[in-house]
Amino acid sequence: MQYDAVLISPPSRMINHYRPPLALLYIAGYLRHMGWSVKIIDRPMDQIVRDRAFLKNIPGQIMRIEALMLEELKNLHTRVLGITFYTPEYQEVMTLARAAKKAIPGVTVIAGGIHPALYPDEAVFTGSPIDIAVNGEGETVMHEILTALAGQKSLADVNGIAYYNPHLKKTVKTSSRAVSGLDEISYPAYDLVDMNYYLNASPYAIRGCFLRAAYVLGSRGCPSQCTFCVAVNLRRQSLGKAVRMRSAESMFAEISDLKKNYLIDAFYFIDDLFTIDKENIMRFCNLLVQNKSSVIWGCSAKASTLDEEMIASMARSGCVQIDFGVERGSDQALAVLKKGITLQIIRKVFALCRKYRIRTFANFLVNTPGETAEDLADIEKLICELKPDIVAVNIFTPYPGTEIYRNCSFRFDIAEYPMLTAASRRIYKDRRLKFCSHAINVIEWADRVNRKYNSLFRNMRFYLNPRYWRVLLSSGAKINYLKQAGLLLREVVNQKFSRYAQAED
């Protein structure tokens, strides 16, 4: 088959829990809207419960998936292959790109995602299998690249890319721009992947809640200044507003289409910060209520963006869980990370969520610069006070592009990037990864806290919620729930939603 563009994700992403390649789906949807033919190569895993036996065999699983992807590529004809990747996937993607060049002679390989946006010189250079790196959001850029490759314009006139110029013997970077009007971007091309697979009932989208749920994007960007996150750096790379929202009407229309065409019963907003525009969120909630939408949903939020009116409206419209980046246990520690919130704000919002029966998912971060034993004690004390429904203690990894990494005295070699995938379990094997100042083993501490505060009863209380049963009983996919019930039972045993069952290398 002949396609104008073929899009692909790194093979290692195929082990994700029923999460479709949403970025590629958005790009494919827009390209088709502009008249280009597109294919997505997608090879999701058959086995989903990630117990220790599964985790130990991940390298073998990834090699098998890569072989299947390349076999499919050999039977295609395309001018362009688009790949997206994060920093830990660098070596994997370079290997895949080289193999793709052999499978499809003359193909132009385009790389997008966080790493090529932040470090284009590491993606495009003399001898690289990647021809063009995209700086920022890919929909309009990919359209312009295809137009240029068709001979209708010069690559130098395409905004937001980097490419190696052999005549100048250097990487050329063009000025970037962010997509401003998100409503103008087409819906994701869901039909290009197996949505029956991705929408299987599972406890992963709204974590711990067994639902047939879709992942949805309502906004792009984040205005926060967190020192441990790359969002600040990405924001500097693109022109335009820090956060852009889809309209309430656009989001509601997509949810309605997913309900009608794919029988979803729930959805989760994967935005960095969904709740920044109160008026828009309130209007979205009202649309769900007015249309008697039989769905439940979840999102992530910054505590400082919520108030009682907003939380009450979200609850009425079916919001059953909000994920929060609490991170630390004192105002001083929060200020060090530039979180822009205080314990007083956090306490107030958690109390309001409890009042309106919205589950709280509290994320905490340990192994931060200068962290003391007292800081860990403060975190556990706050957990006891807040009583979140789910607790996730994460161990900080110094990803390139974060402020903390920028302030480090070292730099990772490109060959070390794959190590970052499991860096949180290696902090006592590589002293560069240890940032805390105390002698407490934070791996053991995090595992203990995750076990202690993620009791089976606390996680299972959701299933006593009448709203859940109303949605379940009215679902058009009851057979799917019955087929997937075994998965839920296996995950209850595995306690996957508490994050403590991680593989040690």
Foldseek 3Di string as FASTA:
>chain_A
DEFQEEEEEQLLCLLDALADPQLVLLQCQLLVVVPGGYAYDHDHDPDHPCFQVNQVCSVVSSVVSLVVSLVVLLPYAYQEYEYEDDLLCVVSVQVSLVSSCVSHPNHAYEYEYDVCLLCVVSQAAVPGSHFKYFNERDRVLVNVVSCVVVVNDPPQPRAGMWGADVVVRGIDHHAAAYDAAPLVRGHGNVVNDPLLSSQQFDCPFVHLDGFSEHEDAFKEADPAQFQQDLRVVSQVRHDDDRMHGHALVSVLVVVVCCCVPVQGQEYEYAYPAHQQDQVRLLVNLVVLLVVVPRHAYEYEHELVSDDLVSLLSNLNSHYAEYEYAPAWQAQVVCVVRRVVDGVVSVQRSLVSCVVSNHAYEYEYEDLAAAAEPVGLVSVLVVCVVSLGLAYAYDYGFRGPNGNVVVPDPDDDDSVCSSVSVVLSLCCVVDVSGGRYDYDDDVLVVRLVSLDVSNDLVSSCVVVVDVSSVVSQVPTPPVVSCVVCVVVSVVCSVSVVSSPSSDHHD
